[in-house]
């Protein structure tokens, strides 16, 4: 088994009201920044022990479906990276 870090990024689906992003966009424009669009997102990093990156991604996807995201209003993306062990370290 190896350790992986799964990153789950959760965003509201297009067309769903995002008051946090709208407030932030207006504030940025008041500061002189031109902003075409802005979306808020939540990011979760989960350390997972698994036999492969694919199995870690499957587990993270299940976590997103069951708790981290509401599939009715959210889209989410899962990425997985294997932990690296520094030279000279033991696992």
N, C-alpha and C. Protein backbone atom coordinates (compact mmCIF):
# COMPACT_ATOMS: atom_id res chain seq x y z
N UNK A 1 0.85 -1.19 0.00
CA UNK A 1 0.00 0.00 0.00
C UNK A 1 0.88 1.24 0.00
N UNK A 2 0.42 2.25 -0.67
CA UNK A 2 1.13 3.52 -0.75
C UNK A 2 0.21 4.63 -0.25
N UNK A 3 0.85 5.76 0.11
CA UNK A 3 0.08 6.93 0.53
C UNK A 3 -0.12 7.86 -0.65
N UNK A 4 -1.33 8.36 -0.77
CA UNK A 4 -1.69 9.31 -1.82
C UNK A 4 -2.40 10.48 -1.17
N UNK A 5 -2.28 11.63 -1.79
CA UNK A 5 -3.09 12.77 -1.39
C UNK A 5 -4.09 13.03 -2.50
N UNK A 6 -5.36 12.93 -2.15
CA UNK A 6 -6.43 13.23 -3.09
C UNK A 6 -6.90 14.65 -2.81
N UNK A 7 -6.98 15.45 -3.85
CA UNK A 7 -7.50 16.80 -3.73
C UNK A 7 -8.86 16.83 -4.40
N UNK A 8 -9.87 17.22 -3.63
CA UNK A 8 -11.23 17.31 -4.15
C UNK A 8 -11.61 18.79 -4.17
N UNK A 9 -11.84 19.32 -5.36
CA UNK A 9 -12.24 20.72 -5.52
C UNK A 9 -13.73 20.74 -5.84
N UNK A 10 -14.50 21.45 -5.02
CA UNK A 10 -15.95 21.50 -5.14
C UNK A 10 -16.37 22.92 -5.52
N UNK A 11 -17.16 23.02 -6.61
CA UNK A 11 -17.66 24.32 -7.06
C UNK A 11 -19.16 24.23 -7.30
N UNK A 12 -19.83 25.36 -7.19
CA UNK A 12 -21.24 25.39 -7.55
C UNK A 12 -21.37 25.22 -9.06
N UNK A 13 -22.42 24.53 -9.48
CA UNK A 13 -22.66 24.34 -10.91
C UNK A 13 -22.98 25.69 -11.56
N UNK A 14 -22.71 25.76 -12.84
CA UNK A 14 -23.03 26.97 -13.60
C UNK A 14 -24.53 27.24 -13.46
N UNK A 15 -24.86 28.50 -13.19
CA UNK A 15 -26.25 28.88 -13.05
C UNK A 15 -26.76 28.89 -11.62
N UNK A 16 -26.00 28.28 -10.70
CA UNK A 16 -26.39 28.29 -9.28
C UNK A 16 -25.84 29.57 -8.66
N UNK A 17 -26.69 30.28 -7.95
CA UNK A 17 -26.30 31.55 -7.33
C UNK A 17 -25.11 31.34 -6.40
N UNK A 18 -24.08 32.18 -6.55
CA UNK A 18 -22.86 32.10 -5.74
C UNK A 18 -22.63 33.47 -5.09
N UNK A 19 -23.34 33.75 -3.99
CA UNK A 19 -23.25 35.08 -3.38
C UNK A 19 -21.85 35.43 -2.90
N UNK A 20 -21.09 34.47 -2.41
CA UNK A 20 -19.73 34.74 -1.95
C UNK A 20 -18.86 35.24 -3.11
N UNK A 21 -18.95 34.56 -4.23
CA UNK A 21 -18.16 34.97 -5.40
C UNK A 21 -18.62 36.32 -5.93
N UNK A 22 -19.91 36.57 -5.94
CA UNK A 22 -20.42 37.84 -6.45
C UNK A 22 -19.96 39.01 -5.57
N UNK A 23 -20.01 38.83 -4.26
CA UNK A 23 -19.54 39.87 -3.34
C UNK A 23 -18.04 40.12 -3.55
N UNK A 24 -17.27 39.07 -3.69
CA UNK A 24 -15.83 39.20 -3.90
C UNK A 24 -15.53 39.86 -5.24
N UNK A 25 -16.29 39.49 -6.29
CA UNK A 25 -16.08 40.10 -7.61
C UNK A 25 -16.33 41.60 -7.55
N UNK A 26 -17.40 42.01 -6.90
CA UNK A 26 -17.70 43.44 -6.80
C UNK A 26 -16.60 44.17 -6.02
N UNK A 27 -16.10 43.55 -4.95
CA UNK A 27 -15.03 44.17 -4.16
C UNK A 27 -13.76 44.31 -5.00
N UNK A 28 -13.43 43.31 -5.77
CA UNK A 28 -12.25 43.39 -6.64
C UNK A 28 -12.40 44.52 -7.66
N UNK A 29 -13.60 44.66 -8.22
CA UNK A 29 -13.82 45.74 -9.19
C UNK A 29 -13.70 47.10 -8.53
N UNK A 30 -14.17 47.24 -7.28
CA UNK A 30 -14.01 48.51 -6.56
C UNK A 30 -12.54 48.83 -6.33
N UNK A 31 -11.71 47.80 -6.23
CA UNK A 31 -10.27 48.00 -6.06
C UNK A 31 -9.55 48.23 -7.38
N UNK A 32 -10.30 48.25 -8.48
CA UNK A 32 -9.71 48.55 -9.77
C UNK A 32 -9.35 47.34 -10.62
N UNK A 33 -9.72 46.15 -10.19
CA UNK A 33 -9.43 44.95 -10.97
C UNK A 33 -10.60 44.65 -11.89
N UNK A 34 -10.31 44.40 -13.15
CA UNK A 34 -11.36 44.01 -14.09
C UNK A 34 -11.53 42.50 -13.99
N UNK A 35 -12.74 42.07 -13.64
CA UNK A 35 -13.01 40.65 -13.46
C UNK A 35 -14.19 40.27 -14.34
N UNK A 36 -13.97 39.34 -15.25
CA UNK A 36 -15.04 38.87 -16.14
C UNK A 36 -16.00 37.96 -15.37
N UNK A 37 -15.45 37.02 -14.62
CA UNK A 37 -16.28 36.09 -13.84
C UNK A 37 -15.45 35.58 -12.67
N UNK A 38 -16.12 35.19 -11.63
CA UNK A 38 -15.44 34.65 -10.45
C UNK A 38 -16.33 33.58 -9.85
N UNK A 39 -15.74 32.47 -9.48
CA UNK A 39 -16.46 31.39 -8.83
C UNK A 39 -15.73 31.03 -7.55
N UNK A 40 -16.48 30.76 -6.50
CA UNK A 40 -15.86 30.29 -5.26
C UNK A 40 -15.74 28.77 -5.33
N UNK A 41 -14.81 28.24 -4.56
CA UNK A 41 -14.61 26.79 -4.53
C UNK A 41 -14.11 26.40 -3.16
N UNK A 42 -14.40 25.18 -2.78
CA UNK A 42 -13.84 24.58 -1.58
C UNK A 42 -12.86 23.51 -2.03
N UNK A 43 -11.76 23.40 -1.33
CA UNK A 43 -10.76 22.38 -1.66
C UNK A 43 -10.48 21.55 -0.42
N UNK A 44 -10.57 20.25 -0.60
CA UNK A 44 -10.31 19.29 0.48
C UNK A 44 -9.11 18.44 0.06
N UNK A 45 -8.15 18.28 0.96
CA UNK A 45 -7.01 17.40 0.71
C UNK A 45 -7.11 16.23 1.69
N UNK A 46 -7.17 15.02 1.14
CA UNK A 46 -7.37 13.82 1.95
C UNK A 46 -6.20 12.87 1.71
N UNK A 47 -5.52 12.48 2.77
CA UNK A 47 -4.46 11.48 2.65
C UNK A 47 -5.12 10.10 2.70
N UNK A 48 -4.80 9.29 1.70
CA UNK A 48 -5.43 7.98 1.54
C UNK A 48 -4.36 6.92 1.32
N UNK A 49 -4.47 5.82 2.02
CA UNK A 49 -3.59 4.69 1.78
C UNK A 49 -4.33 3.75 0.82
N UNK A 50 -3.68 3.41 -0.30
CA UNK A 50 -4.33 2.58 -1.31
C UNK A 50 -3.29 1.82 -2.11
N UNK A 51 -3.75 0.81 -2.84
CA UNK A 51 -2.86 0.00 -3.68
C UNK A 51 -2.41 0.74 -4.94
N UNK A 52 -3.22 1.70 -5.40
CA UNK A 52 -2.89 2.42 -6.63
C UNK A 52 -3.55 3.80 -6.61
N UNK A 53 -3.08 4.66 -7.51
CA UNK A 53 -3.67 6.00 -7.63
C UNK A 53 -5.13 5.89 -8.05
N UNK A 54 -5.44 4.92 -8.90
CA UNK A 54 -6.81 4.74 -9.37
C UNK A 54 -7.74 4.38 -8.20
N UNK A 55 -7.27 3.51 -7.30
CA UNK A 55 -8.09 3.14 -6.14
C UNK A 55 -8.24 4.32 -5.18
N UNK A 56 -7.20 5.11 -5.02
CA UNK A 56 -7.29 6.30 -4.18
C UNK A 56 -8.29 7.29 -4.77
N UNK A 57 -8.25 7.45 -6.10
CA UNK A 57 -9.19 8.36 -6.77
C UNK A 57 -10.62 7.87 -6.62
N UNK A 58 -10.82 6.57 -6.71
CA UNK A 58 -12.17 6.00 -6.55
C UNK A 58 -12.69 6.27 -5.15
N UNK A 59 -11.84 6.10 -4.14
CA UNK A 59 -12.27 6.37 -2.76
C UNK A 59 -12.58 7.84 -2.56
N UNK A 60 -11.75 8.72 -3.11
CA UNK A 60 -11.99 10.16 -2.98
C UNK A 60 -13.27 10.56 -3.71
N UNK A 61 -13.53 9.94 -4.85
CA UNK A 61 -14.76 10.22 -5.60
C UNK A 61 -15.98 9.81 -4.77
N UNK A 62 -15.88 8.68 -4.10
CA UNK A 62 -16.98 8.24 -3.24
C UNK A 62 -17.18 9.21 -2.08
N UNK A 63 -16.09 9.70 -1.50
CA UNK A 63 -16.19 10.69 -0.42
C UNK A 63 -16.90 11.95 -0.91
N UNK A 64 -16.54 12.39 -2.11
CA UNK A 64 -17.17 13.59 -2.68
C UNK A 64 -18.66 13.36 -2.91
N UNK A 65 -19.02 12.22 -3.47
CA UNK A 65 -20.42 11.92 -3.75
C UNK A 65 -21.26 11.82 -2.47
N UNK A 66 -20.66 11.26 -1.41
CA UNK A 66 -21.43 10.99 -0.20
C UNK A 66 -21.43 12.14 0.80
N UNK A 67 -20.39 13.01 0.78
CA UNK A 67 -20.32 14.04 1.82
C UNK A 67 -19.79 15.38 1.34
N UNK A 68 -18.70 15.39 0.62
CA UNK A 68 -18.00 16.65 0.33
C UNK A 68 -18.74 17.55 -0.65
N UNK A 69 -19.53 16.97 -1.53
CA UNK A 69 -20.26 17.75 -2.53
C UNK A 69 -21.73 17.31 -2.54
N UNK A 70 -22.58 18.22 -2.92
CA UNK A 70 -23.99 17.90 -3.16
C UNK A 70 -24.14 17.84 -4.68
N UNK A 71 -24.22 16.65 -5.27
CA UNK A 71 -24.24 16.53 -6.73
C UNK A 71 -25.37 17.29 -7.42
N UNK A 72 -26.39 17.67 -6.66
CA UNK A 72 -27.49 18.45 -7.24
C UNK A 72 -27.03 19.86 -7.60
N UNK A 73 -26.18 20.45 -6.76
CA UNK A 73 -25.79 21.85 -7.00
C UNK A 73 -24.29 22.03 -7.24
N UNK A 74 -23.49 20.98 -6.99
CA UNK A 74 -22.04 21.10 -7.10
C UNK A 74 -21.47 20.24 -8.23
N UNK A 75 -20.41 20.75 -8.83
CA UNK A 75 -19.51 19.95 -9.64
C UNK A 75 -18.27 19.76 -8.80
N UNK A 76 -17.56 18.66 -9.02
CA UNK A 76 -16.31 18.48 -8.28
C UNK A 76 -15.29 17.79 -9.16
N UNK A 77 -14.04 17.97 -8.77
CA UNK A 77 -12.92 17.39 -9.50
C UNK A 77 -12.00 16.73 -8.48
N UNK A 78 -11.51 15.55 -8.82
CA UNK A 78 -10.61 14.81 -7.95
C UNK A 78 -9.27 14.65 -8.67
N UNK A 79 -8.20 15.02 -7.99
CA UNK A 79 -6.85 14.73 -8.48
C UNK A 79 -6.11 13.97 -7.39
N UNK A 80 -5.17 13.12 -7.80
CA UNK A 80 -4.45 12.28 -6.85
C UNK A 80 -2.96 12.36 -7.14
N UNK A 81 -2.18 12.52 -6.09
CA UNK A 81 -0.71 12.49 -6.19
C UNK A 81 -0.17 11.52 -5.17
N UNK A 82 0.83 10.77 -5.58
CA UNK A 82 1.48 9.84 -4.64
C UNK A 82 2.44 10.63 -3.76
N UNK A 83 2.48 10.27 -2.48
CA UNK A 83 3.45 10.88 -1.58
C UNK A 83 4.83 10.44 -2.00
N UNK A 84 5.76 11.35 -1.94
CA UNK A 84 7.14 10.99 -2.20
C UNK A 84 7.91 10.97 -0.89
N UNK A 85 8.84 10.04 -0.79
CA UNK A 85 9.64 9.91 0.41
C UNK A 85 10.99 10.53 0.12
N UNK A 86 11.46 11.49 0.93
CA UNK A 86 12.77 12.11 0.69
C UNK A 86 13.89 11.07 0.67
N UNK A 87 14.93 11.35 -0.09
CA UNK A 87 16.09 10.44 -0.16
C UNK A 87 16.63 10.17 1.23
N UNK A 88 16.97 8.90 1.47
CA UNK A 88 17.53 8.53 2.76
C UNK A 88 16.49 8.21 3.82
N UNK A 89 15.19 8.46 3.50
CA UNK A 89 14.12 8.15 4.46
C UNK A 89 13.59 6.76 4.20
N UNK A 90 13.05 6.17 5.22
CA UNK A 90 12.42 4.85 5.07
C UNK A 90 10.92 5.02 5.18
N UNK A 91 10.19 4.12 4.49
CA UNK A 91 8.73 4.13 4.58
C UNK A 91 8.26 3.26 5.68
